[in-house]
Amino acid sequence: MKLTTMKTLSAITILILSLGFLFSCGKIQEAKNAYETVKSVAEAAEHLPENMEEMNRKTEERRAKGDTLAMHYEKLAEYLPESYGDYVKDGDLEGGSVNMTGASYSNVEQKYQSPDGNVLKIAIVDYNTAVHLYTGLMAFYGTGLEIDNTDQLMKGFEIDDEIKGWHSLKKKSNKVELIAGIANRFYVSINMDNQDNGEEAIAVISDTKIRELENL
């Protein structure tokens, strides 16, 4: 078996495992939805080997420069917005840092709420030299994967070369979850309710200090 084929098969495996959450809450409603999902996964997997190689290359570049530790969570928190539109902070910041042999990562999470009760949650993780964890989470960002069925719409987006990801709209609850990879190092998760599409969640990245992470 050719090496490229083996990489593609491994990529498909990662994608299917990553997509497990789509089916973990109950049986698939429509066989057609299942077929289209697997088809989309297989097509997206063709791009995975090059994405993984790029992640590893940038990690090695950081190591060569002596950049081997994730940012301390208090420093990482500085990239969270103080507010967004009419959303203001609701509750305390949660965060932490972990450094061990061969891996370093930190995370922060903040909840926001608007006057009408809508909730926005933002989480940022700096994986720096824990690229094996990052790769698993971000396996199919930037692959062009798109899934549309009666329950949800999942599609990719790209702000620029350094910020790519996907967002999922739960059609029945109007909740959006956005996942983004920034500079092959930072993982950003945004959750919003009362949404018609993922554009507002994308704007949370592009219009706030979060976008500055691509320059690190």
N, C-alpha and C. Protein backbone atom coordinates (compact mmCIF):
# COMPACT_ATOMS: atom_id res chain seq x y z
N MET A 1 0.85 -1.21 0.00
CA MET A 1 0.00 0.00 0.00
C MET A 1 0.88 1.25 0.00
N LYS A 2 0.59 2.20 -0.86
CA LYS A 2 1.37 3.42 -0.95
C LYS A 2 1.24 4.23 0.33
N LEU A 3 2.32 4.98 0.66
CA LEU A 3 2.32 5.79 1.87
C LEU A 3 1.20 6.81 1.85
N THR A 4 0.95 7.41 0.69
CA THR A 4 -0.11 8.42 0.57
C THR A 4 -1.46 7.81 0.91
N THR A 5 -1.69 6.59 0.40
CA THR A 5 -2.96 5.92 0.68
C THR A 5 -3.09 5.63 2.17
N MET A 6 -2.01 5.19 2.80
CA MET A 6 -2.04 4.91 4.24
C MET A 6 -2.35 6.17 5.02
N LYS A 7 -1.74 7.30 4.61
CA LYS A 7 -2.02 8.56 5.29
C LYS A 7 -3.48 8.94 5.15
N THR A 8 -4.03 8.73 3.95
CA THR A 8 -5.43 9.07 3.73
C THR A 8 -6.35 8.22 4.59
N LEU A 9 -6.05 6.92 4.68
CA LEU A 9 -6.86 6.04 5.50
C LEU A 9 -6.80 6.44 6.97
N SER A 10 -5.60 6.82 7.42
CA SER A 10 -5.46 7.29 8.80
C SER A 10 -6.26 8.56 9.01
N ALA A 11 -6.22 9.42 7.99
CA ALA A 11 -6.96 10.68 8.08
C ALA A 11 -8.45 10.44 8.17
N ILE A 12 -8.95 9.47 7.36
CA ILE A 12 -10.37 9.14 7.41
C ILE A 12 -10.75 8.63 8.78
N THR A 13 -9.87 7.81 9.36
CA THR A 13 -10.14 7.28 10.70
C THR A 13 -10.27 8.40 11.71
N ILE A 14 -9.35 9.36 11.66
CA ILE A 14 -9.39 10.50 12.58
C ILE A 14 -10.67 11.29 12.39
N LEU A 15 -11.04 11.50 11.13
CA LEU A 15 -12.25 12.27 10.86
C LEU A 15 -13.49 11.58 11.39
N ILE A 16 -13.59 10.29 11.17
CA ILE A 16 -14.77 9.57 11.63
C ILE A 16 -14.86 9.60 13.14
N LEU A 17 -13.72 9.45 13.83
CA LEU A 17 -13.73 9.53 15.29
C LEU A 17 -14.11 10.92 15.74
N SER A 18 -13.60 11.93 15.04
CA SER A 18 -13.90 13.32 15.40
C SER A 18 -15.38 13.63 15.21
N LEU A 19 -15.98 12.98 14.23
CA LEU A 19 -17.39 13.23 13.94
C LEU A 19 -18.34 12.39 14.79
N GLY A 20 -17.79 11.60 15.69
CA GLY A 20 -18.62 10.72 16.48
C GLY A 20 -19.68 11.45 17.26
N PHE A 21 -19.39 12.68 17.68
CA PHE A 21 -20.36 13.43 18.47
C PHE A 21 -21.64 13.72 17.69
N LEU A 22 -21.57 13.65 16.37
CA LEU A 22 -22.76 13.91 15.57
C LEU A 22 -23.83 12.85 15.77
N PHE A 23 -23.40 11.65 16.18
CA PHE A 23 -24.32 10.53 16.28
C PHE A 23 -24.42 9.95 17.69
N SER A 24 -23.76 10.58 18.66
CA SER A 24 -23.68 10.00 19.99
C SER A 24 -24.95 10.19 20.81
N CYS A 25 -25.81 11.09 20.41
CA CYS A 25 -27.00 11.38 21.21
C CYS A 25 -28.24 10.62 20.76
N GLY A 26 -28.11 9.72 19.82
CA GLY A 26 -29.28 8.97 19.38
C GLY A 26 -29.02 8.35 18.02
N LYS A 27 -29.95 7.55 17.52
CA LYS A 27 -29.74 6.91 16.24
C LYS A 27 -29.91 7.90 15.11
N ILE A 28 -29.29 7.62 13.99
CA ILE A 28 -29.35 8.52 12.83
C ILE A 28 -30.76 8.54 12.29
N GLN A 29 -31.29 9.71 12.05
CA GLN A 29 -32.69 9.82 11.64
C GLN A 29 -32.92 9.38 10.22
N GLU A 30 -31.97 9.66 9.35
CA GLU A 30 -32.19 9.33 7.95
C GLU A 30 -30.97 8.65 7.38
N ALA A 31 -31.16 7.56 6.64
CA ALA A 31 -30.04 6.85 6.03
C ALA A 31 -29.32 7.76 5.04
N LYS A 32 -30.07 8.62 4.37
CA LYS A 32 -29.46 9.53 3.41
C LYS A 32 -28.49 10.46 4.10
N ASN A 33 -28.86 10.97 5.28
CA ASN A 33 -27.98 11.84 6.03
C ASN A 33 -26.67 11.12 6.36
N ALA A 34 -26.78 9.87 6.76
CA ALA A 34 -25.60 9.10 7.12
C ALA A 34 -24.68 8.93 5.91
N TYR A 35 -25.28 8.60 4.78
CA TYR A 35 -24.49 8.40 3.56
C TYR A 35 -23.77 9.68 3.16
N GLU A 36 -24.48 10.80 3.16
CA GLU A 36 -23.88 12.07 2.77
C GLU A 36 -22.77 12.47 3.73
N THR A 37 -22.94 12.17 5.02
CA THR A 37 -21.91 12.50 6.00
C THR A 37 -20.63 11.73 5.72
N VAL A 38 -20.74 10.42 5.52
CA VAL A 38 -19.56 9.60 5.25
C VAL A 38 -18.89 10.03 3.95
N LYS A 39 -19.70 10.37 2.96
CA LYS A 39 -19.15 10.82 1.69
C LYS A 39 -18.36 12.11 1.88
N SER A 40 -18.91 13.06 2.65
CA SER A 40 -18.23 14.32 2.90
C SER A 40 -16.93 14.10 3.67
N VAL A 41 -16.96 13.18 4.64
CA VAL A 41 -15.77 12.87 5.42
C VAL A 41 -14.67 12.32 4.52
N ALA A 42 -15.02 11.40 3.65
CA ALA A 42 -14.04 10.79 2.76
C ALA A 42 -13.40 11.82 1.84
N GLU A 43 -14.21 12.73 1.31
CA GLU A 43 -13.69 13.77 0.42
C GLU A 43 -12.78 14.73 1.18
N ALA A 44 -13.19 15.11 2.38
CA ALA A 44 -12.39 16.04 3.18
C ALA A 44 -11.07 15.41 3.61
N ALA A 45 -11.06 14.10 3.81
CA ALA A 45 -9.87 13.41 4.30
C ALA A 45 -8.70 13.51 3.34
N GLU A 46 -8.98 13.73 2.06
CA GLU A 46 -7.92 13.85 1.08
C GLU A 46 -6.97 15.00 1.41
N HIS A 47 -7.46 16.02 2.12
CA HIS A 47 -6.65 17.19 2.43
C HIS A 47 -5.95 17.08 3.78
N LEU A 48 -6.26 16.05 4.55
CA LEU A 48 -5.74 15.96 5.91
C LEU A 48 -4.23 15.78 6.00
N PRO A 49 -3.61 14.90 5.21
CA PRO A 49 -2.17 14.72 5.36
C PRO A 49 -1.38 16.01 5.23
N GLU A 50 -1.72 16.85 4.25
CA GLU A 50 -0.99 18.11 4.08
C GLU A 50 -1.24 19.05 5.25
N ASN A 51 -2.46 19.05 5.80
CA ASN A 51 -2.75 19.90 6.96
C ASN A 51 -1.93 19.47 8.17
N MET A 52 -1.83 18.16 8.39
CA MET A 52 -1.07 17.64 9.52
C MET A 52 0.41 17.95 9.37
N GLU A 53 0.93 17.81 8.15
CA GLU A 53 2.33 18.11 7.91
C GLU A 53 2.64 19.58 8.18
N GLU A 54 1.71 20.46 7.83
CA GLU A 54 1.90 21.88 8.08
C GLU A 54 1.91 22.16 9.59
N MET A 55 1.03 21.52 10.35
CA MET A 55 1.02 21.69 11.80
C MET A 55 2.36 21.28 12.41
N ASN A 56 2.88 20.12 11.99
CA ASN A 56 4.14 19.62 12.52
C ASN A 56 5.30 20.52 12.13
N ARG A 57 5.27 21.04 10.92
CA ARG A 57 6.36 21.91 10.47
C ARG A 57 6.44 23.17 11.31
N LYS A 58 5.29 23.78 11.57
CA LYS A 58 5.29 25.02 12.35
C LYS A 58 5.67 24.77 13.81
N THR A 59 5.31 23.61 14.32
CA THR A 59 5.71 23.26 15.69
C THR A 59 7.22 23.15 15.79
N GLU A 60 7.85 22.51 14.80
CA GLU A 60 9.30 22.37 14.79
C GLU A 60 9.98 23.73 14.67
N GLU A 61 9.39 24.63 13.90
CA GLU A 61 9.96 25.98 13.78
C GLU A 61 9.95 26.69 15.12
N ARG A 62 8.87 26.55 15.88
CA ARG A 62 8.80 27.18 17.19
C ARG A 62 9.83 26.59 18.15
N ARG A 63 9.98 25.27 18.10
CA ARG A 63 10.96 24.62 18.96
C ARG A 63 12.37 25.09 18.64
N ALA A 64 12.67 25.24 17.35
CA ALA A 64 14.00 25.69 16.93
C ALA A 64 14.32 27.08 17.45
N LYS A 65 13.28 27.88 17.67
CA LYS A 65 13.47 29.24 18.19
C LYS A 65 13.45 29.27 19.72
N GLY A 66 13.29 28.11 20.34
CA GLY A 66 13.25 28.05 21.80
C GLY A 66 11.87 28.32 22.37
N ASP A 67 10.87 28.39 21.50
CA ASP A 67 9.49 28.63 21.95
C ASP A 67 8.87 27.27 22.25
N THR A 68 9.08 26.78 23.47
CA THR A 68 8.66 25.42 23.79
C THR A 68 7.58 25.34 24.86
N LEU A 69 7.16 26.47 25.38
CA LEU A 69 6.13 26.46 26.41
C LEU A 69 4.89 27.22 25.96
N ALA A 70 3.73 26.73 26.38
CA ALA A 70 2.50 27.45 26.11
C ALA A 70 2.46 28.72 26.94
N MET A 71 1.74 29.70 26.47
CA MET A 71 1.54 30.93 27.20
C MET A 71 0.83 30.65 28.53
N HIS A 72 1.25 31.33 29.60
CA HIS A 72 0.56 31.17 30.88
C HIS A 72 -0.89 31.59 30.71
N TYR A 73 -1.78 30.90 31.40
CA TYR A 73 -3.21 31.16 31.17
C TYR A 73 -3.61 32.61 31.48
N GLU A 74 -2.93 33.27 32.41
CA GLU A 74 -3.26 34.67 32.70
C GLU A 74 -2.90 35.57 31.53
N LYS A 75 -1.80 35.24 30.85
CA LYS A 75 -1.41 35.98 29.66
C LYS A 75 -2.36 35.67 28.51
N LEU A 76 -2.73 34.40 28.38
CA LEU A 76 -3.65 34.00 27.32
C LEU A 76 -5.00 34.70 27.48
N ALA A 77 -5.41 34.92 28.72
CA ALA A 77 -6.70 35.57 29.01
C ALA A 77 -6.75 37.00 28.48
N GLU A 78 -5.61 37.61 28.26
CA GLU A 78 -5.58 38.98 27.75
C GLU A 78 -6.12 39.06 26.32
N TYR A 79 -6.21 37.92 25.65
CA TYR A 79 -6.73 37.91 24.29
C TYR A 79 -8.24 37.67 24.24
N LEU A 80 -8.85 37.46 25.38
CA LEU A 80 -10.30 37.40 25.44
C LEU A 80 -10.87 38.81 25.41
N PRO A 81 -11.97 39.05 24.72
CA PRO A 81 -12.55 40.40 24.71
C PRO A 81 -13.14 40.77 26.07
N GLU A 82 -13.06 42.05 26.41
CA GLU A 82 -13.71 42.53 27.64
C GLU A 82 -15.23 42.45 27.49
N SER A 83 -15.68 42.69 26.27
CA SER A 83 -17.09 42.58 25.94
C SER A 83 -17.19 42.38 24.43
N TYR A 84 -18.38 42.03 23.97
CA TYR A 84 -18.61 41.91 22.53
C TYR A 84 -20.02 42.37 22.24
N GLY A 85 -20.14 43.48 21.52
CA GLY A 85 -21.47 44.05 21.27
C GLY A 85 -22.15 44.34 22.59
N ASP A 86 -23.35 43.78 22.78
CA ASP A 86 -24.04 43.98 24.06
C ASP A 86 -23.82 42.81 25.02
N TYR A 87 -22.88 41.93 24.68
CA TYR A 87 -22.51 40.84 25.59
C TYR A 87 -21.46 41.33 26.58
N VAL A 88 -21.68 41.09 27.86
CA VAL A 88 -20.72 41.46 28.90
C VAL A 88 -20.37 40.21 29.71
N LYS A 89 -19.25 40.25 30.39
CA LYS A 89 -18.79 39.09 31.16
C LYS A 89 -19.82 38.69 32.21
N ASP A 90 -20.00 37.38 32.32
CA ASP A 90 -20.93 36.83 33.29
C ASP A 90 -20.21 35.71 34.04
N GLY A 91 -19.79 35.98 35.25
CA GLY A 91 -19.03 34.99 36.02
C GLY A 91 -17.54 35.18 35.87
N ASP A 92 -16.80 34.37 36.61
CA ASP A 92 -15.34 34.49 36.65
C ASP A 92 -14.67 33.74 35.51
N LEU A 93 -13.46 34.17 35.19
CA LEU A 93 -12.62 33.47 34.23
C LEU A 93 -12.22 32.11 34.78
N GLU A 94 -12.20 31.11 33.91
CA GLU A 94 -11.67 29.81 34.25
C GLU A 94 -10.44 29.55 33.38
N GLY A 95 -9.39 28.99 33.97
CA GLY A 95 -8.19 28.75 33.18
C GLY A 95 -7.15 27.97 33.94
N GLY A 96 -6.10 27.57 33.22
CA GLY A 96 -5.01 26.83 33.83
C GLY A 96 -3.90 26.59 32.83
N SER A 97 -2.74 26.19 33.34
CA SER A 97 -1.58 25.89 32.50
C SER A 97 -0.99 24.55 32.91
N VAL A 98 -0.50 23.78 31.94
CA VAL A 98 0.13 22.50 32.20
C VAL A 98 1.43 22.43 31.41
N ASN A 99 2.53 22.12 32.09
CA ASN A 99 3.82 21.92 31.44
C ASN A 99 4.39 20.58 31.89
N MET A 100 4.76 19.76 30.93
CA MET A 100 5.35 18.46 31.23
C MET A 100 6.32 18.12 30.12
N THR A 101 7.08 17.08 30.31
CA THR A 101 8.05 16.67 29.31
C THR A 101 7.35 16.35 27.99
N GLY A 102 7.71 17.06 26.96
CA GLY A 102 7.17 16.80 25.64
C GLY A 102 5.85 17.46 25.33
N ALA A 103 5.26 18.17 26.28
CA ALA A 103 3.96 18.80 26.02
C ALA A 103 3.76 20.01 26.93
N SER A 104 3.14 21.04 26.36
CA SER A 104 2.84 22.25 27.11
C SER A 104 1.57 22.86 26.55
N TYR A 105 0.60 23.14 27.41
CA TYR A 105 -0.64 23.76 26.94
C TYR A 105 -1.30 24.53 28.07
N SER A 106 -2.15 25.48 27.70
CA SER A 106 -2.88 26.28 28.67
C SER A 106 -4.25 26.59 28.10
N ASN A 107 -5.18 26.95 28.97
CA ASN A 107 -6.54 27.22 28.49
C ASN A 107 -7.22 28.29 29.33
N VAL A 108 -8.13 29.01 28.70
CA VAL A 108 -8.98 29.99 29.38
C VAL A 108 -10.38 29.87 28.83
N GLU A 109 -11.37 30.20 29.66
CA GLU A 109 -12.77 30.17 29.23
C GLU A 109 -13.53 31.26 29.95
N GLN A 110 -14.38 31.96 29.19
CA GLN A 110 -15.17 33.05 29.76
C GLN A 110 -16.59 33.00 29.20
N LYS A 111 -17.54 33.22 30.08
CA LYS A 111 -18.95 33.30 29.68
C LYS A 111 -19.37 34.75 29.61
N TYR A 112 -20.21 35.09 28.63
CA TYR A 112 -20.76 36.43 28.45
C TYR A 112 -22.27 36.30 28.30
N GLN A 113 -22.97 37.38 28.62
CA GLN A 113 -24.42 37.36 28.47
C GLN A 113 -24.92 38.72 28.03
N SER A 114 -25.94 38.73 27.17
CA SER A 114 -26.54 39.97 26.69
C SER A 114 -27.72 40.34 27.57
N PRO A 115 -28.19 41.59 27.50
CA PRO A 115 -29.33 42.01 28.33
C PRO A 115 -30.59 41.17 28.12
N ASP A 116 -30.76 40.60 26.91
CA ASP A 116 -31.95 39.78 26.65
C ASP A 116 -31.74 38.32 27.02
N GLY A 117 -30.62 38.01 27.66
CA GLY A 117 -30.40 36.67 28.18
C GLY A 117 -29.67 35.71 27.26
N ASN A 118 -29.25 36.15 26.08
CA ASN A 118 -28.49 35.29 25.20
C ASN A 118 -27.08 35.07 25.75
N VAL A 119 -26.56 33.87 25.53
CA VAL A 119 -25.27 33.48 26.11
C VAL A 119 -24.21 33.30 25.03
N LEU A 120 -23.02 33.77 25.33
CA LEU A 120 -21.84 33.60 24.50
C LEU A 120 -20.74 33.00 25.37
N LYS A 121 -20.14 31.90 24.91
CA LYS A 121 -19.03 31.30 25.64
C LYS A 121 -17.81 31.23 24.72
N ILE A 122 -16.68 31.67 25.24
CA ILE A 122 -15.44 31.65 24.46
C ILE A 122 -14.38 30.88 25.23
N ALA A 123 -13.74 29.93 24.56
CA ALA A 123 -12.63 29.19 25.16
C ALA A 123 -11.44 29.25 24.21
N ILE A 124 -10.25 29.45 24.76
CA ILE A 124 -9.02 29.46 23.97
C ILE A 124 -8.03 28.49 24.61
N VAL A 125 -7.40 27.66 23.79
CA VAL A 125 -6.36 26.76 24.26
C VAL A 125 -5.09 27.02 23.46
N ASP A 126 -3.97 27.16 24.16
CA ASP A 126 -2.67 27.28 23.52
C ASP A 126 -2.00 25.91 23.61
N TYR A 127 -1.87 25.23 22.47
CA TYR A 127 -1.29 23.89 22.47
C TYR A 127 0.21 23.89 22.19
N ASN A 128 0.76 24.97 21.76
CA ASN A 128 2.18 25.12 21.46
C ASN A 128 2.87 23.80 21.13
N THR A 129 3.53 23.15 22.10
CA THR A 129 4.26 21.92 21.80
C THR A 129 3.46 20.66 22.10
N ALA A 130 2.16 20.77 22.28
CA ALA A 130 1.31 19.58 22.44
C ALA A 130 0.55 19.36 21.13
N VAL A 131 1.30 19.37 20.02
CA VAL A 131 0.67 19.33 18.69
C VAL A 131 -0.12 18.04 18.47
N HIS A 132 0.24 16.95 19.16
CA HIS A 132 -0.50 15.70 18.99
C HIS A 132 -1.93 15.84 19.50
N LEU A 133 -2.13 16.66 20.54
CA LEU A 133 -3.48 16.93 21.03
C LEU A 133 -4.22 17.86 20.08
N TYR A 134 -3.52 18.87 19.61
CA TYR A 134 -4.10 19.85 18.69
C TYR A 134 -4.57 19.18 17.40
N THR A 135 -3.72 18.30 16.87
CA THR A 135 -4.04 17.65 15.61
C THR A 135 -5.33 16.85 15.70
N GLY A 136 -5.51 16.14 16.82
CA GLY A 136 -6.72 15.35 16.99
C GLY A 136 -7.97 16.20 17.03
N LEU A 137 -7.89 17.37 17.69
CA LEU A 137 -9.05 18.25 17.80
C LEU A 137 -9.35 18.97 16.49
N MET A 138 -8.29 19.35 15.78
CA MET A 138 -8.46 20.16 14.60
C MET A 138 -8.30 19.35 13.31
N ALA A 139 -8.58 18.05 13.39
CA ALA A 139 -8.30 17.14 12.29
C ALA A 139 -8.85 17.59 10.95
N PHE A 140 -10.05 18.17 10.95
CA PHE A 140 -10.63 18.48 9.64
C PHE A 140 -10.92 19.95 9.42
N TYR A 141 -10.24 20.85 10.15
CA TYR A 141 -10.42 22.25 9.82
C TYR A 141 -9.66 22.54 8.52
N GLY A 142 -10.23 23.37 7.71
CA GLY A 142 -9.58 23.73 6.46
C GLY A 142 -9.66 22.67 5.38
N THR A 143 -10.47 21.61 5.57
CA THR A 143 -10.54 20.56 4.56
C THR A 143 -11.70 20.75 3.59
N GLY A 144 -12.55 21.73 3.85
CA GLY A 144 -13.70 21.95 2.98
C GLY A 144 -14.89 21.08 3.32
N LEU A 145 -14.84 20.45 4.48
CA LEU A 145 -15.95 19.58 4.89
C LEU A 145 -17.24 20.39 5.07
N GLU A 146 -18.34 19.88 4.53
CA GLU A 146 -19.65 20.51 4.72
C GLU A 146 -20.71 19.42 4.84
N ILE A 147 -21.54 19.52 5.88
CA ILE A 147 -22.62 18.57 6.12
C ILE A 147 -23.89 19.36 6.36
N ASP A 148 -24.95 19.00 5.65
CA ASP A 148 -26.24 19.69 5.81
C ASP A 148 -27.33 18.63 5.86
N ASN A 149 -28.01 18.56 7.00
CA ASN A 149 -29.13 17.63 7.11
C ASN A 149 -30.24 18.26 7.94
N THR A 150 -31.23 17.49 8.31
CA THR A 150 -32.40 18.06 9.00
C THR A 150 -32.07 18.57 10.39
N ASP A 151 -30.99 18.07 10.98
CA ASP A 151 -30.63 18.46 12.34
C ASP A 151 -29.67 19.63 12.41
N GLN A 152 -28.72 19.66 11.48
CA GLN A 152 -27.69 20.68 11.59
C GLN A 152 -27.03 20.99 10.25
N LEU A 153 -26.38 22.13 10.23
CA LEU A 153 -25.54 22.52 9.11
C LEU A 153 -24.14 22.72 9.65
N MET A 154 -23.19 21.97 9.13
CA MET A 154 -21.79 22.13 9.50
C MET A 154 -21.00 22.51 8.26
N LYS A 155 -20.24 23.57 8.33
CA LYS A 155 -19.45 23.98 7.18
C LYS A 155 -18.19 24.71 7.63
N GLY A 156 -17.19 24.68 6.77
CA GLY A 156 -15.93 25.32 7.08
C GLY A 156 -15.95 26.80 6.78
N PHE A 157 -14.98 27.51 7.34
CA PHE A 157 -14.79 28.93 7.04
C PHE A 157 -13.31 29.24 7.10
N GLU A 158 -12.92 30.34 6.49
CA GLU A 158 -11.53 30.78 6.50
C GLU A 158 -11.50 32.30 6.55
N ILE A 159 -10.93 32.83 7.62
CA ILE A 159 -10.76 34.28 7.73
C ILE A 159 -9.54 34.71 6.94
N ASP A 160 -8.43 33.97 7.10
CA ASP A 160 -7.22 34.16 6.30
C ASP A 160 -6.42 32.88 6.40
N ASP A 161 -5.17 32.90 5.90
CA ASP A 161 -4.37 31.67 5.89
C ASP A 161 -4.09 31.13 7.27
N GLU A 162 -4.11 31.99 8.29
CA GLU A 162 -3.77 31.57 9.64
C GLU A 162 -4.98 31.24 10.52
N ILE A 163 -6.17 31.55 10.05
CA ILE A 163 -7.37 31.30 10.86
C ILE A 163 -8.41 30.56 10.02
N LYS A 164 -8.60 29.29 10.36
CA LYS A 164 -9.55 28.45 9.63
C LYS A 164 -10.31 27.59 10.63
N GLY A 165 -11.47 27.12 10.23
CA GLY A 165 -12.23 26.25 11.12
C GLY A 165 -13.56 25.87 10.54
N TRP A 166 -14.49 25.56 11.39
CA TRP A 166 -15.84 25.21 10.96
C TRP A 166 -16.84 25.62 12.03
N HIS A 167 -18.09 25.75 11.62
CA HIS A 167 -19.13 26.04 12.59
C HIS A 167 -20.32 25.14 12.32
N SER A 168 -21.06 24.86 13.39
CA SER A 168 -22.20 23.97 13.32
C SER A 168 -23.43 24.68 13.87
N LEU A 169 -24.48 24.74 13.06
CA LEU A 169 -25.75 25.33 13.48
C LEU A 169 -26.73 24.21 13.78
N LYS A 170 -27.18 24.15 15.02
CA LYS A 170 -28.23 23.20 15.40
C LYS A 170 -29.56 23.84 15.00
N LYS A 171 -30.20 23.28 13.98
CA LYS A 171 -31.34 23.92 13.36
C LYS A 171 -32.57 24.01 14.27
N LYS A 172 -32.74 23.07 15.16
CA LYS A 172 -33.93 23.05 16.01
C LYS A 172 -33.80 23.95 17.24
N SER A 173 -32.57 24.15 17.70
CA SER A 173 -32.36 24.97 18.89
C SER A 173 -31.73 26.32 18.57
N ASN A 174 -31.31 26.51 17.31
CA ASN A 174 -30.66 27.75 16.87
C ASN A 174 -29.39 28.06 17.68
N LYS A 175 -28.67 27.00 18.02
CA LYS A 175 -27.39 27.18 18.72
C LYS A 175 -26.24 26.95 17.75
N VAL A 176 -25.22 27.77 17.89
CA VAL A 176 -24.05 27.68 17.01
C VAL A 176 -22.82 27.33 17.84
N GLU A 177 -22.06 26.37 17.35
CA GLU A 177 -20.75 26.08 17.92
C GLU A 177 -19.72 26.29 16.83
N LEU A 178 -18.71 27.09 17.12
CA LEU A 178 -17.63 27.36 16.17
C LEU A 178 -16.33 26.84 16.75
N ILE A 179 -15.55 26.19 15.91
CA ILE A 179 -14.22 25.71 16.28
C ILE A 179 -13.24 26.30 15.28
N ALA A 180 -12.16 26.91 15.77
CA ALA A 180 -11.17 27.51 14.87
C ALA A 180 -9.76 27.16 15.30
N GLY A 181 -8.91 27.00 14.32
CA GLY A 181 -7.48 26.84 14.57
C GLY A 181 -6.79 28.12 14.14
N ILE A 182 -5.91 28.64 14.99
CA ILE A 182 -5.20 29.87 14.69
C ILE A 182 -3.70 29.61 14.73
N ALA A 183 -3.03 29.90 13.62
CA ALA A 183 -1.57 29.79 13.50
C ALA A 183 -1.07 28.39 13.84
N ASN A 184 -1.89 27.36 13.58
CA ASN A 184 -1.51 25.98 13.87
C ASN A 184 -1.03 25.80 15.31
N ARG A 185 -1.63 26.55 16.21
CA ARG A 185 -1.22 26.51 17.62
C ARG A 185 -2.39 26.70 18.57
N PHE A 186 -3.26 27.65 18.27
CA PHE A 186 -4.35 27.99 19.17
C PHE A 186 -5.66 27.38 18.70
N TYR A 187 -6.41 26.86 19.65
CA TYR A 187 -7.72 26.27 19.43
C TYR A 187 -8.75 27.20 20.08
N VAL A 188 -9.72 27.63 19.31
CA VAL A 188 -10.74 28.55 19.82
C VAL A 188 -12.11 27.92 19.65
N SER A 189 -12.89 27.93 20.72
CA SER A 189 -14.25 27.42 20.70
C SER A 189 -15.20 28.54 21.09
N ILE A 190 -16.24 28.74 20.27
CA ILE A 190 -17.24 29.77 20.54
C ILE A 190 -18.63 29.15 20.46
N ASN A 191 -19.43 29.37 21.49
CA ASN A 191 -20.80 28.88 21.53
C ASN A 191 -21.76 30.05 21.70
N MET A 192 -22.79 30.10 20.87
CA MET A 192 -23.78 31.17 20.94
C MET A 192 -25.18 30.59 20.74
N ASP A 193 -26.16 31.15 21.43
CA ASP A 193 -27.53 30.70 21.21
C ASP A 193 -28.32 31.78 20.48
N ASN A 194 -29.53 31.41 20.03
CA ASN A 194 -30.41 32.31 19.30
C ASN A 194 -29.74 32.86 18.04
N GLN A 195 -29.18 31.95 17.22
CA GLN A 195 -28.48 32.33 16.00
C GLN A 195 -29.12 31.67 14.79
N ASP A 196 -29.08 32.39 13.65
CA ASP A 196 -29.60 31.84 12.39
C ASP A 196 -28.51 31.21 11.54
N ASN A 197 -27.25 31.60 11.78
CA ASN A 197 -26.11 31.06 11.04
C ASN A 197 -24.85 31.28 11.87
N GLY A 198 -23.69 30.95 11.30
CA GLY A 198 -22.45 31.06 12.06
C GLY A 198 -21.70 32.35 11.87
N GLU A 199 -22.28 33.31 11.14
CA GLU A 199 -21.55 34.54 10.82
C GLU A 199 -21.20 35.35 12.07
N GLU A 200 -22.11 35.42 13.03
CA GLU A 200 -21.84 36.20 14.23
C GLU A 200 -20.69 35.59 15.04
N ALA A 201 -20.65 34.26 15.08
CA ALA A 201 -19.57 33.59 15.79
C ALA A 201 -18.22 33.84 15.12
N ILE A 202 -18.20 33.87 13.79
CA ILE A 202 -16.97 34.19 13.06
C ILE A 202 -16.52 35.61 13.39
N ALA A 203 -17.48 36.53 13.47
CA ALA A 203 -17.16 37.93 13.78
C ALA A 203 -16.55 38.08 15.17
N VAL A 204 -16.91 37.19 16.10
CA VAL A 204 -16.32 37.26 17.44
C VAL A 204 -14.81 37.11 17.35
N ILE A 205 -14.33 36.32 16.39
CA ILE A 205 -12.89 36.17 16.20
C ILE A 205 -12.31 37.34 15.42
N SER A 206 -12.92 37.64 14.28
CA SER A 206 -12.34 38.64 13.38
C SER A 206 -12.41 40.06 13.93
N ASP A 207 -13.36 40.35 14.83
CA ASP A 207 -13.56 41.72 15.31
C ASP A 207 -13.07 41.94 16.74
N THR A 208 -12.35 41.00 17.32
CA THR A 208 -11.88 41.16 18.70
C THR A 208 -10.38 40.86 18.79
N LYS A 209 -9.86 40.92 20.01
CA LYS A 209 -8.44 40.67 20.25
C LYS A 209 -8.04 39.24 19.95
N ILE A 210 -9.00 38.34 19.83
CA ILE A 210 -8.68 36.95 19.52
C ILE A 210 -7.87 36.86 18.24
N ARG A 211 -8.19 37.70 17.28
CA ARG A 211 -7.51 37.63 15.99
C ARG A 211 -6.01 37.92 16.11
N GLU A 212 -5.61 38.66 17.13
CA GLU A 212 -4.20 39.00 17.32
C GLU A 212 -3.35 37.77 17.58
N LEU A 213 -3.96 36.64 17.95
CA LEU A 213 -3.20 35.42 18.20
C LEU A 213 -2.47 34.93 16.94
N GLU A 214 -2.97 35.28 15.78
CA GLU A 214 -2.34 34.80 14.55
C GLU A 214 -0.95 35.42 14.35
N ASN A 215 -0.63 36.48 15.07
CA ASN A 215 0.66 37.14 14.94
C ASN A 215 1.73 36.59 15.87
N LEU A 216 1.37 35.63 16.71
CA LEU A 216 2.32 35.09 17.68
C LEU A 216 3.10 33.90 17.09
